[in-house]
Every structure is written in C-alpha cells, then in structure tokens.
Amino acid sequence: MFWAENRPDLRLMEAAVVASTEMSDSVAITLRIDPRMLSKIKRLARSRYLNYQSMIKQWLSERLEEETRSFGARTANENRAGNTF
C-alpha cells in the first residue's frame, strides 16, 4: 500500500549509486557531532530509507556545489568591477 501512494526520489537513488561508485575514492575522516544532532540525522535518514553517512555526504556535496557556484559568481562580478577603467 505504501508504494502505491509514494514514489522514491530519483535524485536520491541516483546519488546513492554515484556515492557507491565513489567509495573506492573515499577517505575516512573523524567528525565530532553533538549526539542529539546525530540522533536527528539518523531519524531523518531512516525516514528516507538512507544510510545516515550517505545522506551526510550527499548534503556536503550539494552544499559544496552551491558554495562553488556562489563563489564563482562573486569572483566573476569582482573581476568585472575591477576591470572598469
């Protein structure tokens, strides 16, 4: 009944496939997170049928892309402003 009314998010599924292919290029790090925050992240990931670590990596990847685009736009604007004589 659940799947008759709900559809998986294809972007999440594609991201999971990409993440699994990138595993061989991954580096393990240690990150300290407040236990309450980690509990919330785990609950959210479970509700989306995701591994919480994969979800965190997806969030970081999305934010990195956003920051990179934003930085590129700022740099381009600064260069244009600096090149006016």
Protein backbone atom coordinates (compact mmCIF):
# COMPACT_ATOMS: atom_id res chain seq x y z
CA MET A 1 0.00 0.00 0.00
CA PHE A 2 2.81 2.43 0.85
CA TRP A 3 4.47 2.18 -2.58
CA ALA A 4 1.13 2.59 -4.32
CA GLU A 5 0.89 6.08 -2.82
CA ASN A 6 4.59 7.06 -2.69
CA ARG A 7 7.43 7.14 -5.15
CA PRO A 8 11.15 7.11 -4.35
CA ASP A 9 13.04 10.32 -5.03
CA LEU A 10 15.06 9.53 -8.16
CA ARG A 11 17.70 12.13 -7.28
CA LEU A 12 18.39 10.34 -4.00
CA MET A 13 18.58 6.99 -5.74
CA GLU A 14 20.99 8.36 -8.36
CA ALA A 15 23.09 9.99 -5.65
CA ALA A 16 23.27 6.66 -3.81
CA VAL A 17 24.52 4.94 -6.96
CA VAL A 18 27.10 7.68 -7.56
CA ALA A 19 28.16 7.53 -3.91
CA SER A 20 28.63 3.78 -4.09
CA THR A 21 30.86 4.12 -7.18
CA GLU A 22 32.91 6.79 -5.42
CA MET A 23 33.54 4.61 -2.38
CA SER A 24 36.89 3.46 -3.75
CA ASP A 25 37.97 7.11 -3.90
CA SER A 26 36.78 7.93 -0.38
CA VAL A 27 38.93 8.92 2.57
CA ALA A 28 37.86 8.16 6.12
CA ILE A 29 37.68 11.16 8.47
CA THR A 30 36.62 11.68 12.05
CA LEU A 31 33.94 14.25 12.71
CA ARG A 32 32.61 15.05 16.16
CA ILE A 33 28.87 15.77 16.21
CA ASP A 34 26.56 16.58 19.10
CA PRO A 35 24.74 13.31 19.98
CA ARG A 36 21.32 14.98 19.75
CA MET A 37 22.12 16.27 16.27
CA LEU A 38 23.32 12.83 15.19
CA SER A 39 20.11 11.25 16.50
CA LYS A 40 18.05 13.69 14.44
CA ILE A 41 20.17 12.99 11.36
CA LYS A 42 19.78 9.24 11.81
CA ARG A 43 16.00 9.55 12.25
CA LEU A 44 15.73 11.68 9.13
CA ALA A 45 17.88 9.26 7.14
CA ARG A 46 15.79 6.28 8.29
CA SER A 47 12.62 8.07 7.24
CA ARG A 48 14.14 8.41 3.77
CA TYR A 49 15.45 4.82 3.72
CA LEU A 50 19.03 6.06 3.52
CA ASN A 51 22.22 5.35 5.38
CA TYR A 52 22.87 8.41 7.55
CA GLN A 53 26.51 8.62 6.45
CA SER A 54 25.49 8.62 2.79
CA MET A 55 22.93 11.31 3.47
CA ILE A 56 25.54 13.49 5.20
CA LYS A 57 27.89 13.03 2.24
CA GLN A 58 25.08 13.99 -0.13
CA TRP A 59 24.34 17.13 1.92
CA LEU A 60 28.01 18.08 1.92
CA SER A 61 28.26 17.51 -1.82
CA GLU A 62 25.16 19.61 -2.52
CA ARG A 63 26.40 22.45 -0.29
CA LEU A 64 29.86 22.33 -1.84
CA GLU A 65 28.32 22.70 -5.30
CA GLU A 66 26.19 25.61 -4.06
CA GLU A 67 29.18 27.34 -2.46
CA THR A 68 31.32 26.75 -5.54
CA ARG A 69 28.69 28.31 -7.83
CA SER A 70 28.23 31.22 -5.42
CA PHE A 71 31.98 31.78 -5.16
CA GLY A 72 32.37 31.63 -8.94
CA ALA A 73 29.63 34.22 -9.40
CA ARG A 74 31.18 36.54 -6.80
CA THR A 75 34.62 36.18 -8.36
CA ALA A 76 33.24 36.94 -11.81
CA ASN A 77 31.43 40.03 -10.50
CA GLU A 78 34.56 41.24 -8.71
CA ASN A 79 36.65 40.75 -11.83
CA ARG A 80 34.18 42.71 -13.93
CA ALA A 81 34.08 45.50 -11.37
CA GLY A 82 37.87 45.62 -11.18
CA ASN A 83 38.31 45.75 -14.95
CA THR A 84 36.41 49.00 -15.49
CA PHE A 85 38.72 51.86 -16.37
